[in-house]
């Protein structure tokens, strides 16, 4: 497990002070449990349930885990969630959701789906709520990790473009 998070491209990583990681069944039940456990862990770390940080990161987690179940599901494989909070330097909360499908990389469009489409807006929500987010190849096997960071008030995040790895890489 990576015990550092990078605040900006090219910047020195910030050490992680707290971490929660767990595998969940790739089902709607697993996604719901992941969101609830993230909210509970954030509350235990001093970010109350009704606080902005908890509500925002819970919503981001909900979108990322729903996508892992819907688009990253491989029969018999779970998705992995990691929640981290940095120590020293910028105060950052980060959630990583890893699945085992590398060929289904999410489109990182900032445009809303046309017309009455019932899906396709989840990552637009993530893009609006997160300070930074991206998609990276899974380090220890096939698949990908979609991550999002939330910089807490009082920090001045360096803007960074949305990035992802090519689908055929």
Protein backbone atom coordinates (compact mmCIF):
# COMPACT_ATOMS: atom_id res chain seq x y z
CA UNK A 1 0.00 0.00 0.00
CA UNK A 2 1.32 3.43 -0.88
CA UNK A 3 1.78 5.50 2.28
CA UNK A 4 2.22 8.84 0.56
CA UNK A 5 0.03 11.15 -1.46
CA UNK A 6 1.28 13.74 -3.89
CA UNK A 7 -0.19 17.24 -3.54
CA UNK A 8 0.82 18.41 -6.99
CA UNK A 9 2.69 17.04 -10.00
CA UNK A 10 6.42 17.22 -9.29
CA UNK A 11 5.93 18.11 -5.62
CA UNK A 12 7.30 16.05 -2.75
CA UNK A 13 4.79 13.51 -1.41
CA UNK A 14 3.08 14.19 1.92
CA UNK A 15 3.24 11.39 4.49
CA UNK A 16 -0.04 9.71 5.33
CA UNK A 17 -1.07 10.06 8.96
CA UNK A 18 -4.18 7.87 8.84
CA UNK A 19 -5.28 5.17 6.47
CA UNK A 20 -8.21 2.83 6.01
CA UNK A 21 -8.16 0.16 3.31
CA UNK A 22 -10.51 -2.72 2.56
CA UNK A 23 -11.76 -4.97 -0.22
CA UNK A 24 -15.48 -5.02 -1.01
CA UNK A 25 -17.67 -7.29 -3.08
CA UNK A 26 -18.25 -5.86 -6.52
CA UNK A 27 -21.96 -5.32 -5.93
CA UNK A 28 -24.29 -2.46 -5.06
CA UNK A 29 -24.19 -3.71 -1.49
CA UNK A 30 -20.40 -3.53 -1.47
CA UNK A 31 -20.47 0.00 -2.89
CA UNK A 32 -22.98 1.12 -0.26
CA UNK A 33 -20.94 -0.45 2.55
CA UNK A 34 -17.76 1.23 1.28
CA UNK A 35 -19.44 4.65 1.32
CA UNK A 36 -20.82 4.10 4.81
CA UNK A 37 -17.48 2.93 6.18
CA UNK A 38 -15.69 5.93 4.64
CA UNK A 39 -18.22 8.26 6.30
CA UNK A 40 -17.83 6.44 9.61
CA UNK A 41 -14.02 6.50 9.44
CA UNK A 42 -13.99 10.21 8.58
CA UNK A 43 -16.22 10.88 11.60
CA UNK A 44 -13.82 8.89 13.80
CA UNK A 45 -10.94 10.97 12.41
CA UNK A 46 -12.63 14.21 13.46
CA UNK A 47 -14.59 15.05 10.30
CA UNK A 48 -18.22 14.89 11.56
CA UNK A 49 -20.96 13.22 9.55
CA UNK A 50 -22.68 16.54 8.85
CA UNK A 51 -19.44 18.37 8.02
CA UNK A 52 -18.50 19.45 4.52
CA UNK A 53 -15.46 17.17 4.28
CA UNK A 54 -17.40 14.06 5.30
CA UNK A 55 -20.40 14.77 3.10
CA UNK A 56 -18.24 15.66 0.09
CA UNK A 57 -15.88 12.69 0.33
CA UNK A 58 -18.80 10.33 1.00
CA UNK A 59 -20.48 11.50 -2.21
CA UNK A 60 -17.24 11.16 -4.17
CA UNK A 61 -16.77 7.66 -2.72
CA UNK A 62 -20.33 6.77 -3.68
CA UNK A 63 -19.72 7.76 -7.31
CA UNK A 64 -16.34 6.00 -7.57
CA UNK A 65 -17.53 2.77 -5.97
CA UNK A 66 -20.72 2.71 -8.07
CA UNK A 67 -18.54 3.05 -11.17
CA UNK A 68 -16.24 0.26 -9.97
CA UNK A 69 -19.25 -2.01 -9.61
CA UNK A 70 -20.95 -0.98 -12.85
CA UNK A 71 -17.98 -0.55 -15.18
CA UNK A 72 -15.06 -2.29 -13.47
CA UNK A 73 -16.72 -5.52 -12.39
CA UNK A 74 -15.03 -8.80 -13.25
CA UNK A 75 -16.80 -11.95 -12.06
CA UNK A 76 -15.25 -13.25 -8.85
CA UNK A 77 -13.15 -10.11 -8.29
CA UNK A 78 -13.66 -7.48 -5.61
CA UNK A 79 -12.85 -3.80 -5.72
CA UNK A 80 -10.44 -2.22 -3.27
CA UNK A 81 -10.91 1.08 -1.47
CA UNK A 82 -8.26 3.12 0.31
CA UNK A 83 -8.93 6.27 2.33
CA UNK A 84 -5.97 8.35 3.49
CA UNK A 85 -5.35 11.59 5.33
CA UNK A 86 -2.03 13.42 5.09
CA UNK A 87 0.11 14.58 7.99
CA UNK A 88 2.12 17.77 7.85
CA UNK A 89 2.09 19.93 4.77
CA UNK A 90 -1.27 20.28 3.04
CA UNK A 91 -4.23 18.65 4.79
CA UNK A 92 -5.59 16.28 2.16
CA UNK A 93 -8.21 13.54 2.26
CA UNK A 94 -7.82 11.04 -0.56
CA UNK A 95 -9.92 8.10 -1.68
CA UNK A 96 -8.65 5.46 -4.15
CA UNK A 97 -10.98 2.88 -5.71
CA UNK A 98 -9.27 0.05 -7.58
CA UNK A 99 -10.92 -2.52 -9.84
CA UNK A 100 -9.52 -5.22 -12.14
CA UNK A 101 -10.70 -3.98 -15.55
CA UNK A 102 -7.99 -2.09 -17.36
CA UNK A 103 -9.79 -1.96 -20.71
CA UNK A 104 -12.68 0.11 -19.34
CA UNK A 105 -11.04 3.43 -18.54
CA UNK A 106 -13.58 6.15 -17.78
CA UNK A 107 -13.90 8.99 -20.22
CA UNK A 108 -12.67 12.15 -18.61
CA UNK A 109 -14.95 14.51 -20.44
CA UNK A 110 -16.10 17.69 -18.78
CA UNK A 111 -19.22 17.82 -20.95
CA UNK A 112 -22.62 16.70 -19.75
CA UNK A 113 -24.19 13.71 -21.54
CA UNK A 114 -26.74 14.67 -24.19
CA UNK A 115 -30.45 15.00 -23.50
CA UNK A 116 -32.23 12.58 -21.24
CA UNK A 117 -29.34 10.18 -20.64
CA UNK A 118 -29.78 8.55 -17.22
CA UNK A 119 -26.09 7.94 -16.62
CA UNK A 120 -22.75 9.51 -17.36
CA UNK A 121 -22.80 12.32 -14.82
CA UNK A 122 -21.03 10.65 -11.90
CA UNK A 123 -17.53 11.69 -12.84
CA UNK A 124 -18.78 15.20 -13.58
CA UNK A 125 -19.88 15.32 -9.96
CA UNK A 126 -16.48 14.02 -8.84
CA UNK A 127 -14.74 16.64 -11.00
CA UNK A 128 -16.82 19.42 -9.40
CA UNK A 129 -16.37 18.24 -5.82
CA UNK A 130 -12.76 17.00 -5.77
CA UNK A 131 -9.75 19.26 -5.70
CA UNK A 132 -7.94 16.81 -7.98
CA UNK A 133 -8.76 13.41 -9.43
CA UNK A 134 -7.38 11.04 -12.03
CA UNK A 135 -7.22 7.48 -13.27
CA UNK A 136 -3.99 5.49 -13.01
CA UNK A 137 -3.03 1.92 -13.91
CA UNK A 138 -3.26 -0.56 -11.06
CA UNK A 139 0.21 -1.11 -9.61
CA UNK A 140 -0.02 -4.75 -8.51
CA UNK A 141 -2.01 -6.36 -11.33
CA UNK A 142 -4.51 -5.73 -14.09
CA UNK A 143 -6.96 -2.92 -13.65
CA UNK A 144 -7.08 0.73 -12.73
CA UNK A 145 -7.38 3.04 -9.77
CA UNK A 146 -9.63 6.07 -9.84
CA UNK A 147 -8.63 8.48 -7.11
CA UNK A 148 -9.84 11.82 -5.83
CA UNK A 149 -8.37 14.27 -3.38
CA UNK A 150 -10.13 16.83 -1.24
CA UNK A 151 -7.95 19.65 0.07
CA UNK A 152 -9.37 20.92 3.32
CA UNK A 153 -9.95 24.64 3.93
CA UNK A 154 -6.90 26.73 4.62
CA UNK A 155 -4.81 24.97 1.99
CA UNK A 156 -4.00 26.43 -1.40
CA UNK A 157 -4.01 23.54 -3.86
CA UNK A 158 -2.03 23.75 -7.03
CA UNK A 159 -4.44 23.29 -9.94
CA UNK A 160 -3.72 20.28 -12.08
CA UNK A 161 -5.34 18.99 -15.23
CA UNK A 162 -7.39 15.83 -15.19
CA UNK A 163 -5.23 13.01 -16.45
CA UNK A 164 -5.59 9.37 -17.26
CA UNK A 165 -3.69 6.59 -18.90
CA UNK A 166 -4.56 5.47 -22.44
CA UNK A 167 -7.02 2.61 -22.74
CA UNK A 168 -4.63 0.61 -24.89
CA UNK A 169 -1.54 1.13 -22.74
